[in-house]
Protein backbone atom coordinates (compact mmCIF):
# COMPACT_ATOMS: atom_id res chain seq x y z
CA MET A 1 52.24 294.54 64.78
CA GLY A 2 49.69 291.75 64.67
CA GLU A 3 47.96 292.63 61.63
CA ARG A 4 46.28 290.24 59.26
CA PRO A 5 46.65 290.18 55.49
CA GLY A 6 43.01 290.94 55.00
CA ASN A 7 41.33 290.60 51.74
CA ALA A 8 43.74 289.61 48.63
CA GLY A 9 41.89 291.11 45.94
CA GLN A 10 42.46 294.43 43.99
CA HIS A 11 43.41 297.52 45.71
CA LEU A 12 43.30 300.90 44.71
CA THR A 13 46.65 303.12 43.48
CA PRO A 14 47.82 305.26 46.38
CA GLY A 15 46.81 308.93 45.81
CA GLY A 16 49.31 310.75 48.20
CA THR A 17 50.49 310.34 51.76
CA ASP A 18 48.60 313.28 53.44
CA LEU A 19 46.56 312.04 56.64
CA LEU A 20 43.31 313.89 57.55
CA LEU A 21 41.80 313.06 60.89
CA VAL A 22 38.06 313.40 61.07
CA VAL A 23 36.17 313.86 64.47
CA PRO A 24 32.63 314.31 65.05
CA VAL A 25 31.82 315.90 68.04
CA TYR A 26 28.68 316.72 70.29
CA ASN A 27 29.20 318.45 73.67
CA GLU A 28 32.97 317.09 74.22
CA ALA A 29 34.38 320.37 75.75
CA GLU A 30 35.91 318.18 78.57
CA ASN A 31 37.13 315.57 76.48
CA PHE A 32 38.29 317.56 73.36
CA PRO A 33 41.54 318.76 74.85
CA ARG A 34 42.73 315.36 75.99
CA LEU A 35 41.89 314.10 72.25
CA TYR A 36 43.86 316.84 70.84
CA GLU A 37 47.08 316.02 73.21
CA SER A 38 46.76 312.41 72.43
CA LEU A 39 46.86 313.02 68.61
CA ARG A 40 49.71 315.55 69.05
CA THR A 41 51.74 313.13 71.30
CA HIS A 42 51.03 309.71 69.53
CA VAL A 43 50.34 310.54 65.78
CA LEU A 44 53.90 311.37 64.33
CA THR A 45 52.60 310.96 60.40
CA PRO A 46 51.74 314.73 59.43
CA TRP A 47 48.10 315.28 59.99
CA ARG A 48 45.25 317.61 59.54
CA LEU A 49 42.21 317.57 61.70
CA LYS A 50 38.62 318.32 60.81
CA VAL A 51 36.42 318.88 63.73
CA VAL A 52 32.76 318.61 62.71
CA TYR A 53 30.10 319.90 64.73
CA ASP A 54 26.24 320.68 63.63
CA ARG A 55 25.40 323.57 65.91
CA GLU A 56 27.14 326.69 67.34
CA GLU A 57 25.84 325.83 70.93
CA ASP A 58 27.94 322.78 70.99
CA THR A 59 30.24 323.07 74.02
CA THR A 60 33.11 321.64 72.04
CA VAL A 61 33.17 324.54 69.65
CA PRO A 62 34.70 327.30 71.97
CA VAL A 63 37.22 325.00 73.29
CA ALA A 64 38.10 323.77 69.67
CA ARG A 65 38.46 327.10 68.40
CA ALA A 66 40.71 328.15 71.19
CA ILE A 67 43.13 324.95 70.12
CA ALA A 68 42.55 325.79 66.30
CA ALA A 69 43.81 329.48 66.86
CA GLN A 70 47.15 327.93 68.08
CA ASP A 71 47.38 324.95 65.71
CA ALA A 72 46.86 325.61 62.16
CA ARG A 73 46.41 321.93 61.75
CA VAL A 74 43.05 322.08 63.36
CA GLU A 75 40.06 323.49 61.56
CA LEU A 76 36.42 323.38 62.64
CA LEU A 77 33.79 322.25 60.00
CA LEU A 78 29.86 322.96 60.36
CA SER A 79 27.97 319.66 59.46
CA ALA A 80 25.97 319.68 56.40
CA GLY A 81 23.58 317.41 58.11
CA LYS A 82 22.22 316.68 61.42
CA GLY A 83 23.57 314.29 64.06
CA VAL A 84 26.55 312.04 63.95
CA LEU A 85 25.67 310.67 60.58
CA GLY A 86 25.53 314.30 59.07
CA ALA A 87 29.14 314.76 60.68
CA LEU A 88 30.55 311.78 59.47
CA ARG A 89 29.28 312.26 55.92
CA THR A 90 30.42 316.05 56.05
CA GLY A 91 34.15 314.79 57.37
CA LEU A 92 34.36 312.14 54.82
CA ALA A 93 33.65 314.32 52.00
CA GLU A 94 36.64 316.55 52.92
CA ALA A 95 38.73 313.52 51.79
CA ASP A 96 40.60 314.48 48.51
CA HIS A 97 43.87 312.55 48.52
CA GLY A 98 45.94 310.35 50.99
CA PHE A 99 44.25 308.72 53.89
CA VAL A 100 41.46 309.59 56.22
CA VAL A 101 41.03 308.08 59.86
CA VAL A 102 37.89 308.50 61.80
CA THR A 103 38.23 308.77 65.54
CA MET A 104 35.90 309.65 68.33
CA ALA A 105 36.22 312.71 70.79
CA ASP A 106 35.50 310.68 73.93
CA GLY A 107 38.89 309.34 74.61
CA SER A 108 38.09 305.69 73.60
CA ASP A 109 40.37 305.23 70.75
CA ASP A 110 44.01 304.42 71.21
CA HIS A 111 45.77 306.77 68.87
CA ARG A 112 49.03 304.98 69.22
CA GLN A 113 47.55 302.84 66.42
CA VAL A 114 47.22 305.74 63.81
CA ASP A 115 50.90 305.64 62.42
CA GLN A 116 50.46 301.77 62.19
CA MET A 117 47.32 302.15 60.39
CA VAL A 118 48.85 304.49 57.81
CA ALA A 119 51.84 302.23 57.25
CA LEU A 120 49.52 299.33 56.47
CA ALA A 121 47.67 301.60 54.02
CA ARG A 122 51.13 302.66 52.13
CA GLU A 123 51.58 298.99 51.79
CA GLY A 124 48.46 298.86 49.66
CA TYR A 125 45.55 298.50 52.07
CA ASP A 126 42.41 300.42 51.28
CA LEU A 127 40.86 300.14 54.53
CA VAL A 128 42.38 299.38 57.84
CA ALA A 129 40.58 298.89 60.92
CA ALA A 130 41.79 298.98 64.54
CA SER A 131 40.40 295.97 66.02
CA ARG A 132 38.93 295.14 69.41
CA TYR A 133 38.17 291.46 68.58
CA MET A 134 41.45 290.39 66.77
CA ARG A 135 44.22 288.53 68.89
CA GLY A 136 45.87 291.38 70.79
CA GLY A 137 42.62 293.73 70.84
CA ALA A 138 40.59 294.54 73.93
CA GLN A 139 37.56 296.44 74.95
CA ARG A 140 37.33 297.90 78.39
CA GLY A 141 33.97 298.77 79.39
CA GLY A 142 30.89 299.71 77.51
CA PRO A 143 27.20 298.23 77.51
CA LEU A 144 27.30 294.44 77.65
CA LEU A 145 24.59 294.01 75.25
CA LYS A 146 26.15 296.61 72.67
CA SER A 147 29.57 294.86 73.16
CA ALA A 148 28.26 291.32 72.64
CA LEU A 149 26.46 292.28 69.43
CA SER A 150 29.29 294.04 67.91
CA ARG A 151 31.71 291.29 68.77
CA THR A 152 29.33 288.63 67.10
CA ALA A 153 28.78 290.67 64.25
CA GLY A 154 32.49 291.24 63.72
CA LEU A 155 33.71 287.74 64.17
CA SER A 156 30.97 286.12 62.13
CA LEU A 157 31.47 288.70 59.24
CA ARG A 158 35.37 287.64 59.53
CA TRP A 159 34.92 284.07 59.39
CA LEU A 160 31.72 283.36 57.46
CA ALA A 161 31.69 286.29 54.95
CA GLY A 162 35.41 286.63 54.43
CA VAL A 163 35.50 290.36 55.59
CA GLY A 164 39.15 291.26 56.42
CA THR A 165 38.37 292.42 59.75
CA ALA A 166 37.00 291.16 62.74
CA ASP A 167 35.80 294.47 63.87
CA ALA A 168 33.63 295.70 61.03
CA THR A 169 31.47 298.02 63.19
CA SER A 170 34.12 300.20 64.80
CA ASN A 171 34.29 303.85 63.49
CA PHE A 172 38.02 303.78 64.00
CA LYS A 173 39.18 302.98 60.68
CA LEU A 174 41.36 304.53 57.99
CA TYR A 175 40.04 304.65 54.37
CA ARG A 176 42.00 305.64 51.21
CA ALA A 177 40.64 308.79 49.81
CA GLU A 178 40.24 307.22 46.38
CA PHE A 179 37.72 304.62 47.88
CA LEU A 180 35.74 307.33 49.85
CA LYS A 181 35.46 309.48 46.56
CA SER A 182 34.04 306.49 44.55
CA VAL A 183 31.46 305.24 47.05
CA LYS A 184 27.95 306.83 47.86
CA ILE A 185 27.09 306.78 51.45
CA GLU A 186 23.67 305.18 52.09
CA SER A 187 23.50 304.73 55.87
CA ARG A 188 20.49 306.11 57.73
CA GLY A 189 21.29 305.97 61.33
CA GLY A 190 24.18 307.38 63.13
CA PHE A 191 27.47 305.12 63.20
CA GLU A 192 26.49 302.60 60.75
CA VAL A 193 28.62 304.26 58.37
CA ALA A 194 31.77 302.28 59.13
CA LEU A 195 29.70 298.92 58.60
CA GLU A 196 28.72 300.31 55.26
CA LEU A 197 32.06 301.26 54.10
CA THR A 198 33.70 298.10 55.40
CA VAL A 199 31.01 295.87 53.67
CA LYS A 200 31.18 297.98 50.32
CA ALA A 201 35.06 297.54 50.21
CA HIS A 202 34.64 293.78 50.80
CA LEU A 203 32.11 293.56 47.96
CA ARG A 204 34.52 295.38 45.72
CA GLY A 205 37.11 293.02 46.47
CA LEU A 206 39.22 296.00 48.03
CA ARG A 207 42.22 295.14 50.35
CA ILE A 208 41.11 295.37 54.00
CA GLY A 209 43.59 294.91 56.97
CA GLU A 210 43.45 295.19 60.72
CA LEU A 211 45.73 295.71 63.68
CA PRO A 212 44.99 295.31 67.28
CA THR A 213 43.70 298.10 69.74
CA THR A 214 42.30 298.56 73.23
CA TRP A 215 38.90 300.41 73.26
CA THR A 216 38.39 302.21 76.57
CA GLU A 217 34.86 303.61 77.58
CA ARG A 218 34.57 307.30 77.91
CA THR A 219 35.10 308.74 81.30
CA SER A 220 32.97 311.53 81.02
CA GLY A 221 30.08 312.80 78.65
CA LYS A 222 27.26 310.81 77.45
CA SER A 223 27.32 308.64 74.61
CA ASN A 224 25.23 309.13 71.55
CA PHE A 225 24.87 305.55 70.31
CA GLN A 226 21.34 304.30 70.21
CA LEU A 227 21.36 300.59 69.75
CA ARG A 228 17.47 300.12 69.56
CA LYS A 229 17.09 303.03 67.04
CA TRP A 230 19.92 301.72 64.76
CA PHE A 231 19.68 298.13 64.98
CA LEU A 232 17.81 297.49 61.49
CA ASP A 233 20.18 299.64 59.92
CA TYR A 234 23.02 297.69 61.05
CA LEU A 235 21.54 294.40 60.29
CA ARG A 236 20.87 295.72 56.34
CA TRP A 237 24.73 295.90 55.84
CA TYR A 238 25.47 292.76 58.07
CA LEU A 239 23.41 290.85 55.56
CA ALA A 240 24.72 292.86 52.56
CA ALA A 241 28.00 291.48 53.36
CA PHE A 242 27.14 287.82 52.31
CA ARG A 243 26.21 288.89 48.72
CA SER A 244 28.43 287.92 46.11
CA ARG A 245 31.35 290.38 45.43
CA ALA A 246 30.93 292.93 42.76
CA SER A 247 32.97 292.00 39.77
């Protein structure tokens, strides 16, 4: 499977084996059915899916509702905030026990890794990253500057700060629910939540593991990632990773 041992510090006591999948959406009507079929096909661990949206006009809503009417595992959830940050905060707040995996609706994540992520979590890892930048991982497509910065950040955090994954910025991660309930999310911009949570788990000495994945650029729709707007927010958590770990 190729996973690294990650941090060797303390870990939280497992609080169940239920798997919650959190998917923030924004006008993903074309992509959502493919996402659902991918999860249904590739994830054998029993799961529940929270589809988090922030406005009724979102084109994803009627498509997701039609699927939810046929599959009780799928539930739509109105975001308590705005944008992807509000959606992620709302979805992660639904974690009560077991494990939570965040995945995007654009088809970029390879869901064949989800069961492997759960297997690592059951071994005692508190956070498991599906990593593009470890041996065996890959990234197909995407803006070159964004990719270069993400790779540089991930590898430097892994080797210089000792963070247990080479892909700290990716949102395709599993979290133990107890960890999510114990941490306050302070992110100010979109997708930085994944980096914040990874850094906070690292500073607490929790067990972080990773396994390789291949990320593929979306084939339809438009990404909401805003590098220029969110760069300083990412930098804040990047620098925080070099602080001494909390006792």
